Amino acid sequence: MALSVLAGVALSIAVIGVLFKLQLWPMSAFWLLLGVASLAVITIATFVIRSARPDLNAYTRGILLRSLPLWLACSLLYALPSATLWKFYYRDNPEMGRLLFEQGSTDDPVQRERLRARIDSLDEARLRNR
């Protein structure tokens, strides 16, 4: 059935968005938003098919059991600011987290290089203290 293929594509897009967000990669908001929208379309289509064809209840239940929890996870992660994840990941070294966040959010190459030098010096100091 075509819904299975479309659901698979929507689920994979949503998982890509979740992974991008948790790994603090760029374009995570785009993939999460695309995942939320595609999962919403799949959920609506599943409810329409479910009401039109009651004999497919087990089939539609399986799609809903996969798509609704992932839709909720994508929605929550989309609403979560990336700075919160940076603070969580670098809770033992907040200065490093702040510098990395600033480096990722600036477009100025001079500022980016200055931040990179500061990050490298913090890394070297951390390695010397081991």
C-alpha atoms as a PDB file:
ATOM      1  CA  MET A   1       0.000   0.000   0.000  1.00  0.00           C
ATOM      2  CA  ALA A   2       1.264   3.497  -0.814  1.00  0.00           C
ATOM      3  CA  LEU A   3       0.610   4.665   2.733  1.00  0.00           C
ATOM      4  CA  SER A   4       3.308   2.281   3.979  1.00  0.00           C
ATOM      5  CA  VAL A   5       5.913   3.822   1.697  1.00  0.00           C
ATOM      6  CA  LEU A   6       4.892   7.371   2.569  1.00  0.00           C
ATOM      7  CA  ALA A   7       4.858   6.522   6.277  1.00  0.00           C
ATOM      8  CA  GLY A   8       8.344   5.037   5.976  1.00  0.00           C
ATOM      9  CA  VAL A   9       9.651   8.178   4.297  1.00  0.00           C
ATOM     10  CA  ALA A  10       7.972  10.408   6.901  1.00  0.00           C
ATOM     11  CA  LEU A  11       9.334   8.325   9.776  1.00  0.00           C
ATOM     12  CA  SER A  12      12.862   8.372   8.381  1.00  0.00           C
ATOM     13  CA  ILE A  13      12.755  12.151   7.896  1.00  0.00           C
ATOM     14  CA  ALA A  14      11.597  12.550  11.480  1.00  0.00           C
ATOM     15  CA  VAL A  15      14.371  10.295  12.807  1.00  0.00           C
ATOM     16  CA  ILE A  16      16.942  12.293  10.823  1.00  0.00           C
ATOM     17  CA  GLY A  17      15.607  15.476  12.449  1.00  0.00           C
ATOM     18  CA  VAL A  18      15.837  13.958  15.929  1.00  0.00           C
ATOM     19  CA  LEU A  19      19.402  12.760  15.332  1.00  0.00           C
ATOM     20  CA  PHE A  20      20.482  16.107  13.907  1.00  0.00           C
ATOM     21  CA  LYS A  21      19.021  17.951  16.895  1.00  0.00           C
ATOM     22  CA  LEU A  22      20.568  15.642  19.491  1.00  0.00           C
ATOM     23  CA  GLN A  23      23.972  15.791  17.804  1.00  0.00           C
ATOM     24  CA  LEU A  24      23.725  19.590  17.480  1.00  0.00           C
ATOM     25  CA  TRP A  25      24.145  19.493  13.712  1.00  0.00           C
ATOM     26  CA  PRO A  26      23.050  22.332  11.452  1.00  0.00           C
ATOM     27  CA  MET A  27      19.672  22.167   9.678  1.00  0.00           C
ATOM     28  CA  SER A  28      18.112  20.193  12.540  1.00  0.00           C
ATOM     29  CA  ALA A  29      15.189  22.616  12.783  1.00  0.00           C
ATOM     30  CA  PHE A  30      14.436  22.149   9.081  1.00  0.00           C
ATOM     31  CA  TRP A  31      14.401  18.352   9.326  1.00  0.00           C
ATOM     32  CA  LEU A  32      12.348  18.400  12.530  1.00  0.00           C
ATOM     33  CA  LEU A  33       9.786  20.735  11.002  1.00  0.00           C
ATOM     34  CA  LEU A  34       9.628  18.613   7.854  1.00  0.00           C
ATOM     35  CA  GLY A  35       9.231  15.506  10.029  1.00  0.00           C
ATOM     36  CA  VAL A  36       6.432  17.056  12.090  1.00  0.00           C
ATOM     37  CA  ALA A  37       4.565  18.137   8.960  1.00  0.00           C
ATOM     38  CA  SER A  38       4.971  14.821   7.152  1.00  0.00           C
ATOM     39  CA  LEU A  39       3.960  12.809  10.221  1.00  0.00           C
ATOM     40  CA  ALA A  40       0.887  15.001  10.633  1.00  0.00           C
ATOM     41  CA  VAL A  41      -0.098  14.289   7.030  1.00  0.00           C
ATOM     42  CA  ILE A  42       0.470  10.549   7.532  1.00  0.00           C
ATOM     43  CA  THR A  43      -1.588  10.576  10.736  1.00  0.00           C
ATOM     44  CA  ILE A  44      -4.494  12.354   9.054  1.00  0.00           C
ATOM     45  CA  ALA A  45      -4.340   9.980   6.077  1.00  0.00           C
ATOM     46  CA  THR A  46      -4.270   7.008   8.438  1.00  0.00           C
ATOM     47  CA  PHE A  47      -7.377   8.224  10.277  1.00  0.00           C
ATOM     48  CA  VAL A  48      -9.162   8.758   6.950  1.00  0.00           C
ATOM     49  CA  ILE A  49      -8.275   5.239   5.789  1.00  0.00           C
ATOM     50  CA  ARG A  50      -9.225   3.847   9.185  1.00  0.00           C
ATOM     51  CA  SER A  51     -12.709   5.355   9.001  1.00  0.00           C
ATOM     52  CA  ALA A  52     -13.227   4.315   5.373  1.00  0.00           C
ATOM     53  CA  ARG A  53     -11.876   0.770   5.718  1.00  0.00           C
ATOM     54  CA  PRO A  54     -12.512  -0.756   9.164  1.00  0.00           C
ATOM     55  CA  ASP A  55     -11.012  -4.034   7.952  1.00  0.00           C
ATOM     56  CA  LEU A  56      -7.567  -2.333   8.014  1.00  0.00           C
ATOM     57  CA  ASN A  57      -7.691  -1.532  11.741  1.00  0.00           C
ATOM     58  CA  ALA A  58      -4.601  -3.592  12.618  1.00  0.00           C
ATOM     59  CA  TYR A  59      -2.661  -2.025   9.737  1.00  0.00           C
ATOM     60  CA  THR A  60      -3.594   1.540  10.643  1.00  0.00           C
ATOM     61  CA  ARG A  61      -2.978   0.898  14.352  1.00  0.00           C
ATOM     62  CA  GLY A  62       0.602  -0.121  13.512  1.00  0.00           C
ATOM     63  CA  ILE A  63       1.216   3.075  11.565  1.00  0.00           C
ATOM     64  CA  LEU A  64      -0.278   5.206  14.341  1.00  0.00           C
ATOM     65  CA  LEU A  65       1.802   3.450  17.008  1.00  0.00           C
ATOM     66  CA  ARG A  66       4.913   4.458  15.091  1.00  0.00           C
ATOM     67  CA  SER A  67       3.990   7.919  13.907  1.00  0.00           C
ATOM     68  CA  LEU A  68       2.285   9.531  16.932  1.00  0.00           C
ATOM     69  CA  PRO A  69       5.106   9.052  19.498  1.00  0.00           C
ATOM     70  CA  LEU A  70       7.692  10.192  16.970  1.00  0.00           C
ATOM     71  CA  TRP A  71       5.529  13.194  16.071  1.00  0.00           C
ATOM     72  CA  LEU A  72       5.401  14.131  19.774  1.00  0.00           C
ATOM     73  CA  ALA A  73       9.187  13.712  20.153  1.00  0.00           C
ATOM     74  CA  CYS A  74       9.847  15.843  17.064  1.00  0.00           C
ATOM     75  CA  SER A  75       7.479  18.548  18.269  1.00  0.00           C
ATOM     76  CA  LEU A  76       9.115  18.708  21.693  1.00  0.00           C
ATOM     77  CA  LEU A  77      12.639  18.754  20.269  1.00  0.00           C
ATOM     78  CA  TYR A  78      11.698  21.455  17.776  1.00  0.00           C
ATOM     79  CA  ALA A  79      10.495  23.624  20.658  1.00  0.00           C
ATOM     80  CA  LEU A  80      13.674  22.951  22.684  1.00  0.00           C
ATOM     81  CA  PRO A  81      16.296  25.648  22.076  1.00  0.00           C
ATOM     82  CA  SER A  82      19.679  24.375  20.912  1.00  0.00           C
ATOM     83  CA  ALA A  83      21.363  26.464  23.606  1.00  0.00           C
ATOM     84  CA  THR A  84      19.700  24.253  26.208  1.00  0.00           C
ATOM     85  CA  LEU A  85      21.299  21.169  24.685  1.00  0.00           C
ATOM     86  CA  TRP A  86      24.695  22.922  24.543  1.00  0.00           C
ATOM     87  CA  LYS A  87      24.379  23.793  28.229  1.00  0.00           C
ATOM     88  CA  PHE A  88      23.432  20.215  29.058  1.00  0.00           C
ATOM     89  CA  TYR A  89      26.222  18.601  27.045  1.00  0.00           C
ATOM     90  CA  TYR A  90      28.863  20.957  28.464  1.00  0.00           C
ATOM     91  CA  ARG A  91      27.505  21.274  31.997  1.00  0.00           C
ATOM     92  CA  ASP A  92      30.922  20.341  33.403  1.00  0.00           C
ATOM     93  CA  ASN A  93      32.668  22.949  31.213  1.00  0.00           C
ATOM     94  CA  PRO A  94      30.236  25.833  30.606  1.00  0.00           C
ATOM     95  CA  GLU A  95      32.886  28.102  29.084  1.00  0.00           C
ATOM     96  CA  MET A  96      33.581  25.534  26.360  1.00  0.00           C
ATOM     97  CA  GLY A  97      29.866  25.150  25.688  1.00  0.00           C
ATOM     98  CA  ARG A  98      29.385  28.891  25.402  1.00  0.00           C
ATOM     99  CA  LEU A  99      32.328  29.249  23.014  1.00  0.00           C
ATOM    100  CA  LEU A 100      31.175  26.363  20.817  1.00  0.00           C
ATOM    101  CA  PHE A 101      27.641  27.748  20.686  1.00  0.00           C
ATOM    102  CA  GLU A 102      28.937  31.205  19.745  1.00  0.00           C
ATOM    103  CA  GLN A 103      31.206  29.713  17.083  1.00  0.00           C
ATOM    104  CA  GLY A 104      28.293  27.842  15.526  1.00  0.00           C
ATOM    105  CA  SER A 105      26.001  30.842  15.536  1.00  0.00           C
ATOM    106  CA  THR A 106      28.320  33.486  14.051  1.00  0.00           C
ATOM    107  CA  ASP A 107      28.825  34.183  10.358  1.00  0.00           C
ATOM    108  CA  ASP A 108      31.863  36.419  10.828  1.00  0.00           C
ATOM    109  CA  PRO A 109      35.009  34.469   9.812  1.00  0.00           C
ATOM    110  CA  VAL A 110      37.284  36.630  11.977  1.00  0.00           C
ATOM    111  CA  GLN A 111      35.160  36.058  15.063  1.00  0.00           C
ATOM    112  CA  ARG A 112      34.897  32.359  14.234  1.00  0.00           C
ATOM    113  CA  GLU A 113      38.688  32.042  14.021  1.00  0.00           C
ATOM    114  CA  ARG A 114      39.127  33.921  17.301  1.00  0.00           C
ATOM    115  CA  LEU A 115      36.647  31.570  18.983  1.00  0.00           C
ATOM    116  CA  ARG A 116      38.393  28.547  17.431  1.00  0.00           C
ATOM    117  CA  ALA A 117      41.723  29.696  18.913  1.00  0.00           C
ATOM    118  CA  ARG A 118      40.124  30.109  22.345  1.00  0.00           C
ATOM    119  CA  ILE A 119      38.521  26.664  22.110  1.00  0.00           C
ATOM    120  CA  ASP A 120      41.858  25.121  21.144  1.00  0.00           C
ATOM    121  CA  SER A 121      43.583  26.765  24.098  1.00  0.00           C
ATOM    122  CA  LEU A 122      40.916  25.426  26.481  1.00  0.00           C
ATOM    123  CA  ASP A 123      41.349  21.943  24.979  1.00  0.00           C
ATOM    124  CA  GLU A 124      45.118  22.084  25.419  1.00  0.00           C
ATOM    125  CA  ALA A 125      44.756  23.234  29.019  1.00  0.00           C
ATOM    126  CA  ARG A 126      42.318  20.413  29.735  1.00  0.00           C
ATOM    127  CA  LEU A 127      44.672  17.832  28.223  1.00  0.00           C
ATOM    128  CA  ARG A 128      47.648  19.162  30.206  1.00  0.00           C
ATOM    129  CA  ASN A 129      45.708  18.835  33.468  1.00  0.00           C
ATOM    130  CA  ARG A 130      44.920  15.150  33.008  1.00  0.00           C
END
